C-alpha atoms as a PDB file:
ATOM      1  CA  MET A   1    -138.793-180.558  -1.679  1.00  0.00           C
ATOM      2  CA  THR A   2    -137.201-177.163  -2.112  1.00  0.00           C
ATOM      3  CA  HIS A   3    -133.535-176.437  -1.517  1.00  0.00           C
ATOM      4  CA  THR A   4    -134.316-174.185   1.421  1.00  0.00           C
ATOM      5  CA  GLN A   5    -131.934-175.120   4.238  1.00  0.00           C
ATOM      6  CA  ALA A   6    -133.463-176.136   7.557  1.00  0.00           C
ATOM      7  CA  HIS A   7    -131.536-175.270  10.699  1.00  0.00           C
ATOM      8  CA  PRO A   8    -132.045-176.337  14.316  1.00  0.00           C
ATOM      9  CA  PRO A   9    -132.938-173.428  16.610  1.00  0.00           C
ATOM     10  CA  ALA A  10    -132.368-172.951  20.295  1.00  0.00           C
ATOM     11  CA  PRO A  11    -132.973-176.217  22.158  1.00  0.00           C
ATOM     12  CA  THR A  12    -136.591-175.517  23.048  1.00  0.00           C
ATOM     13  CA  LEU A  13    -139.067-174.906  20.238  1.00  0.00           C
ATOM     14  CA  PRO A  14    -137.742-174.946  16.653  1.00  0.00           C
ATOM     15  CA  HIS A  15    -138.540-172.248  14.106  1.00  0.00           C
ATOM     16  CA  MET A  16    -141.344-173.393  11.875  1.00  0.00           C
ATOM     17  CA  LYS A  17    -143.161-172.291   8.730  1.00  0.00           C
ATOM     18  CA  ALA A  18    -146.545-170.626   8.268  1.00  0.00           C
ATOM     19  CA  LYS A  19    -149.112-171.234  10.984  1.00  0.00           C
ATOM     20  CA  ILE A  20    -152.351-173.139  10.579  1.00  0.00           C
ATOM     21  CA  VAL A  21    -155.278-172.787  12.959  1.00  0.00           C
ATOM     22  CA  ARG A  22    -156.150-176.209  14.348  1.00  0.00           C
ATOM     23  CA  THR A  23    -159.798-177.167  14.762  1.00  0.00           C
ATOM     24  CA  GLU A  24    -159.531-180.729  16.136  1.00  0.00           C
ATOM     25  CA  PRO A  25    -156.308-181.080  18.086  1.00  0.00           C
ATOM     26  CA  PRO A  26    -155.133-184.716  18.119  1.00  0.00           C
ATOM     27  CA  LEU A  27    -152.483-185.639  20.642  1.00  0.00           C
ATOM     28  CA  VAL A  28    -149.283-186.369  18.747  1.00  0.00           C
ATOM     29  CA  PRO A  29    -145.848-186.279  20.372  1.00  0.00           C
ATOM     30  CA  PHE A  30    -143.947-183.128  19.445  1.00  0.00           C
ATOM     31  CA  VAL A  31    -140.901-185.150  18.392  1.00  0.00           C
ATOM     32  CA  VAL A  32    -142.763-187.253  15.806  1.00  0.00           C
ATOM     33  CA  GLN A  33    -141.832-186.439  12.228  1.00  0.00           C
ATOM     34  CA  ARG A  34    -144.694-185.272  10.012  1.00  0.00           C
ATOM     35  CA  GLU A  35    -145.483-186.014   6.398  1.00  0.00           C
ATOM     36  CA  GLY A  36    -143.604-183.597   4.166  1.00  0.00           C
ATOM     37  CA  GLU A  37    -140.737-183.095   6.615  1.00  0.00           C
ATOM     38  CA  GLU A  38    -137.781-184.539   4.748  1.00  0.00           C
ATOM     39  CA  ALA A  39    -134.011-184.563   4.765  1.00  0.00           C
ATOM     40  CA  ALA A  40    -132.482-181.433   3.304  1.00  0.00           C
ATOM     41  CA  PRO A  41    -130.279-181.631   0.173  1.00  0.00           C
ATOM     42  CA  ASP A  42    -126.900-183.238   0.790  1.00  0.00           C
ATOM     43  CA  ASN A  43    -124.059-180.724   0.359  1.00  0.00           C
ATOM     44  CA  LEU A  44    -121.538-182.255   2.738  1.00  0.00           C
ATOM     45  CA  LEU A  45    -117.786-181.681   2.475  1.00  0.00           C
ATOM     46  CA  LEU A  46    -114.753-183.059   4.266  1.00  0.00           C
ATOM     47  CA  HIS A  47    -112.352-180.402   5.492  1.00  0.00           C
ATOM     48  CA  THR A  48    -108.738-181.475   6.032  1.00  0.00           C
ATOM     49  CA  VAL A  49    -107.561-180.636   9.560  1.00  0.00           C
ATOM     50  CA  GLY A  50    -104.318-182.633   9.595  1.00  0.00           C
ATOM     51  CA  PRO A  51    -102.562-185.622   8.024  1.00  0.00           C
ATOM     52  CA  GLY A  52    -105.304-188.178   7.422  1.00  0.00           C
ATOM     53  CA  ARG A  53    -107.706-186.189   9.626  1.00  0.00           C
ATOM     54  CA  TYR A  54    -110.934-184.646   8.395  1.00  0.00           C
ATOM     55  CA  ARG A  55    -113.919-182.688   9.687  1.00  0.00           C
ATOM     56  CA  LEU A  56    -117.355-183.072   8.140  1.00  0.00           C
ATOM     57  CA  ARG A  57    -119.154-179.827   7.315  1.00  0.00           C
ATOM     58  CA  TYR A  58    -121.843-178.326   5.115  1.00  0.00           C
ATOM     59  CA  ALA A  59    -120.835-176.159   2.181  1.00  0.00           C
ATOM     60  CA  ASP A  60    -123.170-173.462   3.581  1.00  0.00           C
ATOM     61  CA  GLU A  61    -122.784-174.372   7.244  1.00  0.00           C
ATOM     62  CA  ASP A  62    -124.440-172.339   9.973  1.00  0.00           C
ATOM     63  CA  PRO A  63    -123.476-172.508  13.685  1.00  0.00           C
ATOM     64  CA  ARG A  64    -126.899-174.001  14.396  1.00  0.00           C
ATOM     65  CA  ASP A  65    -125.952-177.069  12.361  1.00  0.00           C
ATOM     66  CA  ARG A  66    -123.857-178.268  15.317  1.00  0.00           C
ATOM     67  CA  ASP A  67    -124.892-179.212  18.831  1.00  0.00           C
ATOM     68  CA  LEU A  68    -123.331-177.887  22.020  1.00  0.00           C
ATOM     69  CA  ARG A  69    -120.490-180.413  21.705  1.00  0.00           C
ATOM     70  CA  GLY A  70    -119.663-179.430  18.116  1.00  0.00           C
ATOM     71  CA  VAL A  71    -121.135-182.481  16.356  1.00  0.00           C
ATOM     72  CA  LEU A  72    -122.680-181.896  12.924  1.00  0.00           C
ATOM     73  CA  TRP A  73    -126.390-182.725  12.612  1.00  0.00           C
ATOM     74  CA  ALA A  74    -128.530-183.982   9.762  1.00  0.00           C
ATOM     75  CA  ARG A  75    -130.762-181.295   8.340  1.00  0.00           C
ATOM     76  CA  CYS A  76    -134.486-181.869   8.056  1.00  0.00           C
ATOM     77  CA  SER A  77    -137.187-179.510   6.854  1.00  0.00           C
ATOM     78  CA  PHE A  78    -139.878-178.191   9.202  1.00  0.00           C
ATOM     79  CA  GLY A  79    -143.536-178.379   8.245  1.00  0.00           C
ATOM     80  CA  ALA A  80    -146.372-176.044   9.123  1.00  0.00           C
ATOM     81  CA  VAL A  81    -147.558-175.428  12.688  1.00  0.00           C
ATOM     82  CA  ASP A  82    -150.917-174.502  14.168  1.00  0.00           C
ATOM     83  CA  ASP A  83    -151.811-171.382  16.143  1.00  0.00           C
ATOM     84  CA  LEU A  84    -150.190-172.922  19.250  1.00  0.00           C
ATOM     85  CA  GLY A  85    -146.895-173.591  17.505  1.00  0.00           C
ATOM     86  CA  VAL A  86    -147.513-177.346  17.362  1.00  0.00           C
ATOM     87  CA  PRO A  87    -146.511-179.265  14.194  1.00  0.00           C
ATOM     88  CA  VAL A  88    -149.329-180.436  11.953  1.00  0.00           C
ATOM     89  CA  GLY A  89    -149.486-182.960   9.127  1.00  0.00           C
ATOM     90  CA  ARG A  90    -149.868-186.719   9.030  1.00  0.00           C
ATOM     91  CA  PRO A  91    -147.643-188.259  11.749  1.00  0.00           C
ATOM     92  CA  GLN A  92    -144.849-190.569  10.639  1.00  0.00           C
ATOM     93  CA  TRP A  93    -145.189-192.546  13.840  1.00  0.00           C
ATOM     94  CA  ARG A  94    -141.988-194.569  13.708  1.00  0.00           C
ATOM     95  CA  MET A  95    -139.763-191.578  12.980  1.00  0.00           C
ATOM     96  CA  MET A  96    -138.547-188.803  15.250  1.00  0.00           C
ATOM     97  CA  HIS A  97    -137.721-185.444  13.675  1.00  0.00           C
ATOM     98  CA  PRO A  98    -133.957-185.249  14.328  1.00  0.00           C
ATOM     99  CA  LEU A  99    -133.932-181.591  15.318  1.00  0.00           C
ATOM    100  CA  ARG A 100    -137.021-181.757  17.520  1.00  0.00           C
ATOM    101  CA  GLN A 101    -135.536-184.855  19.155  1.00  0.00           C
ATOM    102  CA  ARG A 102    -132.312-182.948  19.704  1.00  0.00           C
ATOM    103  CA  GLY A 103    -134.125-179.933  21.128  1.00  0.00           C
ATOM    104  CA  THR A 104    -136.224-181.835  23.657  1.00  0.00           C
ATOM    105  CA  MET A 105    -133.380-184.171  24.641  1.00  0.00           C
ATOM    106  CA  GLN A 106    -130.860-181.369  25.028  1.00  0.00           C
ATOM    107  CA  ALA A 107    -133.186-179.263  27.174  1.00  0.00           C
ATOM    108  CA  LEU A 108    -134.775-182.258  28.986  1.00  0.00           C
ATOM    109  CA  ARG A 109    -138.277-181.327  27.908  1.00  0.00           C
ATOM    110  CA  CYS A 110    -141.269-183.598  27.448  1.00  0.00           C
ATOM    111  CA  GLN A 111    -141.334-185.263  24.045  1.00  0.00           C
ATOM    112  CA  ILE A 112    -145.128-184.877  23.967  1.00  0.00           C
ATOM    113  CA  CYS A 113    -145.711-181.247  25.000  1.00  0.00           C
ATOM    114  CA  THR A 114    -142.183-179.687  25.318  1.00  0.00           C
ATOM    115  CA  ASN A 115    -142.798-178.554  28.911  1.00  0.00           C
ATOM    116  CA  PRO A 116    -139.950-179.140  31.407  1.00  0.00           C
ATOM    117  CA  ALA A 117    -139.838-182.874  32.083  1.00  0.00           C
ATOM    118  CA  ARG A 118    -138.522-182.921  35.651  1.00  0.00           C
ATOM    119  CA  THR A 119    -141.046-184.256  38.172  1.00  0.00           C
ATOM    120  CA  PRO A 120    -140.887-184.490  41.988  1.00  0.00           C
ATOM    121  CA  LEU A 121    -139.760-188.093  41.440  1.00  0.00           C
ATOM    122  CA  GLY A 122    -137.061-187.247  38.899  1.00  0.00           C
ATOM    123  CA  PHE A 123    -136.963-187.553  35.109  1.00  0.00           C
ATOM    124  CA  ILE A 124    -139.232-190.132  33.477  1.00  0.00           C
ATOM    125  CA  PHE A 125    -137.755-192.158  30.612  1.00  0.00           C
ATOM    126  CA  LEU A 126    -139.769-194.939  28.956  1.00  0.00           C
ATOM    127  CA  ALA A 127    -138.588-198.046  27.116  1.00  0.00           C
ATOM    128  CA  GLY A 128    -140.377-200.932  25.472  1.00  0.00           C
ATOM    129  CA  PRO A 129    -140.231-204.400  27.049  1.00  0.00           C
ATOM    130  CA  GLY A 130    -137.090-206.269  26.044  1.00  0.00           C
ATOM    131  CA  THR A 131    -135.398-203.236  24.491  1.00  0.00           C
ATOM    132  CA  VAL A 132    -133.141-202.526  27.469  1.00  0.00           C
ATOM    133  CA  ASP A 133    -131.085-204.853  29.633  1.00  0.00           C
ATOM    134  CA  CYS A 134    -132.170-203.830  33.110  1.00  0.00           C
ATOM    135  CA  GLU A 135    -129.208-205.684  34.620  1.00  0.00           C
ATOM    136  CA  GLN A 136    -126.844-203.084  33.212  1.00  0.00           C
ATOM    137  CA  SER A 137    -125.671-200.393  35.601  1.00  0.00           C
ATOM    138  CA  VAL A 138    -125.846-197.768  32.851  1.00  0.00           C
ATOM    139  CA  ILE A 139    -128.754-197.348  30.433  1.00  0.00           C
ATOM    140  CA  LEU A 140    -128.414-195.411  27.168  1.00  0.00           C
ATOM    141  CA  THR A 141    -131.548-193.894  25.643  1.00  0.00           C
ATOM    142  CA  ASN A 142    -132.423-191.866  22.568  1.00  0.00           C
ATOM    143  CA  GLN A 143    -135.993-191.349  23.804  1.00  0.00           C
ATOM    144  CA  PRO A 144    -136.538-187.846  25.237  1.00  0.00           C
ATOM    145  CA  PRO A 145    -138.171-187.800  28.681  1.00  0.00           C
ATOM    146  CA  VAL A 146    -141.874-187.306  29.332  1.00  0.00           C
ATOM    147  CA  CYS A 147    -143.575-185.162  31.929  1.00  0.00           C
ATOM    148  CA  GLY A 148    -145.803-186.724  34.575  1.00  0.00           C
ATOM    149  CA  ARG A 149    -148.926-185.513  32.808  1.00  0.00           C
ATOM    150  CA  HIS A 150    -148.097-187.337  29.569  1.00  0.00           C
ATOM    151  CA  ALA A 151    -146.491-190.558  30.801  1.00  0.00           C
ATOM    152  CA  ARG A 152    -149.637-192.594  30.115  1.00  0.00           C
ATOM    153  CA  ALA A 153    -150.219-190.868  26.767  1.00  0.00           C
ATOM    154  CA  ALA A 154    -146.670-191.612  25.643  1.00  0.00           C
ATOM    155  CA  ALA A 155    -147.128-195.310  26.406  1.00  0.00           C
ATOM    156  CA  ASP A 156    -150.397-195.357  24.467  1.00  0.00           C
ATOM    157  CA  LEU A 157    -149.111-193.408  21.454  1.00  0.00           C
ATOM    158  CA  CYS A 158    -145.554-194.587  20.862  1.00  0.00           C
ATOM    159  CA  PRO A 159    -145.365-197.635  18.546  1.00  0.00           C
ATOM    160  CA  HIS A 160    -142.122-198.702  20.262  1.00  0.00           C
ATOM    161  CA  LEU A 161    -143.873-198.999  23.638  1.00  0.00           C
ATOM    162  CA  THR A 162    -146.685-201.067  25.122  1.00  0.00           C
ATOM    163  CA  ALA A 163    -149.425-200.284  27.615  1.00  0.00           C
ATOM    164  CA  ASP A 164    -146.999-201.374  30.337  1.00  0.00           C
ATOM    165  CA  PRO A 165    -143.571-200.002  29.353  1.00  0.00           C
ATOM    166  CA  MET A 166    -140.429-200.011  31.436  1.00  0.00           C
ATOM    167  CA  VAL A 167    -140.242-196.756  33.397  1.00  0.00           C
ATOM    168  CA  PHE A 168    -136.875-195.392  34.452  1.00  0.00           C
ATOM    169  CA  LEU A 169    -137.016-192.724  37.148  1.00  0.00           C
ATOM    170  CA  ALA A 170    -133.659-190.968  36.844  1.00  0.00           C
ATOM    171  CA  GLN A 171    -132.277-188.358  39.192  1.00  0.00           C
ATOM    172  CA  SER A 172    -129.776-187.328  36.537  1.00  0.00           C
ATOM    173  CA  ALA A 173    -129.333-188.102  32.861  1.00  0.00           C
ATOM    174  CA  PRO A 174    -126.088-186.631  31.530  1.00  0.00           C
ATOM    175  CA  LEU A 175    -125.460-186.355  27.815  1.00  0.00           C
ATOM    176  CA  TYR A 176    -123.686-189.406  26.435  1.00  0.00           C
ATOM    177  CA  GLY A 177    -123.372-188.967  22.689  1.00  0.00           C
ATOM    178  CA  VAL A 178    -125.265-189.350  19.427  1.00  0.00           C
ATOM    179  CA  ASN A 179    -126.628-191.878  16.995  1.00  0.00           C
ATOM    180  CA  GLY A 180    -125.291-191.209  13.522  1.00  0.00           C
ATOM    181  CA  VAL A 181    -123.160-192.356  10.609  1.00  0.00           C
ATOM    182  CA  GLY A 182    -119.543-191.684   9.738  1.00  0.00           C
ATOM    183  CA  TYR A 183    -118.517-190.079   6.446  1.00  0.00           C
ATOM    184  CA  GLY A 184    -115.365-190.435   4.371  1.00  0.00           C
ATOM    185  CA  TYR A 185    -114.173-190.594   0.783  1.00  0.00           C
ATOM    186  CA  GLY A 186    -115.490-193.394  -1.427  1.00  0.00           C
ATOM    187  CA  ASP A 187    -116.341-194.197  -5.044  1.00  0.00           C
ATOM    188  CA  GLN A 188    -119.058-191.528  -4.977  1.00  0.00           C
ATOM    189  CA  GLY A 189    -116.983-188.865  -3.282  1.00  0.00           C
ATOM    190  CA  VAL A 190    -118.020-187.877   0.241  1.00  0.00           C
ATOM    191  CA  GLN A 191    -120.282-190.691   1.396  1.00  0.00           C
ATOM    192  CA  VAL A 192    -121.255-192.838   4.376  1.00  0.00           C
ATOM    193  CA  VAL A 193    -118.415-195.236   5.181  1.00  0.00           C
ATOM    194  CA  GLN A 194    -119.254-196.252   8.774  1.00  0.00           C
ATOM    195  CA  ARG A 195    -122.504-197.271  10.427  1.00  0.00           C
ATOM    196  CA  PRO A 196    -121.796-197.781  14.146  1.00  0.00           C
ATOM    197  CA  ASP A 197    -123.876-200.448  15.889  1.00  0.00           C
ATOM    198  CA  GLY A 198    -124.738-198.163  18.811  1.00  0.00           C
ATOM    199  CA  PRO A 199    -124.437-194.636  20.159  1.00  0.00           C
ATOM    200  CA  ILE A 200    -121.140-192.826  19.651  1.00  0.00           C
ATOM    201  CA  PRO A 201    -119.941-191.197  22.887  1.00  0.00           C
ATOM    202  CA  TYR A 202    -118.895-187.563  22.943  1.00  0.00           C
ATOM    203  CA  GLY A 203    -115.127-187.416  22.713  1.00  0.00           C
ATOM    204  CA  HIS A 204    -114.904-190.412  20.369  1.00  0.00           C
ATOM    205  CA  PRO A 205    -112.341-189.924  17.567  1.00  0.00           C
ATOM    206  CA  LEU A 206    -114.979-190.697  14.918  1.00  0.00           C
ATOM    207  CA  LEU A 207    -117.185-187.729  15.828  1.00  0.00           C
ATOM    208  CA  PRO A 208    -115.485-185.109  13.615  1.00  0.00           C
ATOM    209  CA  THR A 209    -116.758-187.016  10.564  1.00  0.00           C
ATOM    210  CA  VAL A 210    -120.146-188.074  11.983  1.00  0.00           C
ATOM    211  CA  LEU A 211    -123.533-186.775  10.862  1.00  0.00           C
ATOM    212  CA  ALA A 212    -125.813-187.142  13.885  1.00  0.00           C
ATOM    213  CA  SER A 213    -129.533-187.888  13.826  1.00  0.00           C
ATOM    214  CA  GLN A 214    -130.375-188.507  17.506  1.00  0.00           C
ATOM    215  CA  MET A 215    -129.027-187.318  20.841  1.00  0.00           C
ATOM    216  CA  VAL A 216    -128.411-189.941  23.542  1.00  0.00           C
ATOM    217  CA  ARG A 217    -128.412-189.601  27.321  1.00  0.00           C
ATOM    218  CA  ARG A 218    -126.989-191.892  29.991  1.00  0.00           C
ATOM    219  CA  LEU A 219    -129.061-193.117  32.930  1.00  0.00           C
ATOM    220  CA  SER A 220    -126.827-194.316  35.727  1.00  0.00           C
ATOM    221  CA  SER A 221    -128.798-193.317  38.813  1.00  0.00           C
ATOM    222  CA  PHE A 222    -132.318-194.605  38.283  1.00  0.00           C
ATOM    223  CA  ARG A 223    -135.155-196.648  39.727  1.00  0.00           C
ATOM    224  CA  LEU A 224    -137.164-199.057  37.575  1.00  0.00           C
ATOM    225  CA  VAL A 225    -140.918-199.026  38.217  1.00  0.00           C
ATOM    226  CA  GLY A 226    -144.117-199.993  36.439  1.00  0.00           C
ATOM    227  CA  LEU A 227    -146.305-197.368  34.801  1.00  0.00           C
ATOM    228  CA  ASN A 228    -149.167-197.839  37.280  1.00  0.00           C
ATOM    229  CA  GLN A 229    -146.711-197.542  40.158  1.00  0.00           C
ATOM    230  CA  LEU A 230    -145.331-194.347  38.628  1.00  0.00           C
ATOM    231  CA  LEU A 231    -148.776-192.782  38.259  1.00  0.00           C
ATOM    232  CA  TRP A 232    -149.655-193.723  41.835  1.00  0.00           C
ATOM    233  CA  GLU A 233    -146.448-192.155  43.164  1.00  0.00           C
ATOM    234  CA  LEU A 234    -146.981-189.008  41.094  1.00  0.00           C
ATOM    235  CA  GLU A 235    -150.500-188.668  42.479  1.00  0.00           C
ATOM    236  CA  ARG A 236    -149.147-188.896  46.023  1.00  0.00           C
ATOM    237  CA  THR A 237    -146.697-186.060  45.350  1.00  0.00           C
ATOM    238  CA  ALA A 238    -149.269-183.780  43.716  1.00  0.00           C
END
């Protein structure tokens, strides 16, 4: 790939490259990474901010490289889009583009179509069977919400889900933190030195040296329903 730096835009629709007119529009979630969209060249530095304290940054950092809480994000190139501004290219189904994931999660927009995700029932978050402990009072998710129109499509398309996923109807979903890795000095200079097992909450002392790849929200006020039940309730509110 070229050494052109890719930056995240405002939290709705990212800036893309040249447009392509689509003739047969397949339904692919907006957040899915496409073939040819790859990590940007690594030019990370550690800036000393105090005794034994560092802050990770890019040598050519731009304000858009950080989220609203000041965490540095992994860069990833953007591929071409069609005449509707939708990414094209072969879907990499098991990968979410980090900056499109960040944009939809930050703005609470549907991961399929990018429209506002709030429904009359609340925000819809999906999870695969067995991936979440429903006995917990707080659920953490890196999956952006879906709108009512695309709840069924998301279940059908996402390889992490099944035809009958767990559906969390949340009245609120505050930001929790990020998934990422921690950097420090090693044998190869600035390199990954920590791989946390789970999401890193905002405010954690590790965050100044973290390179984030996914934004995480916290569901603490939610109702668990089946997909068919959800669709029935949405139809009643239409």
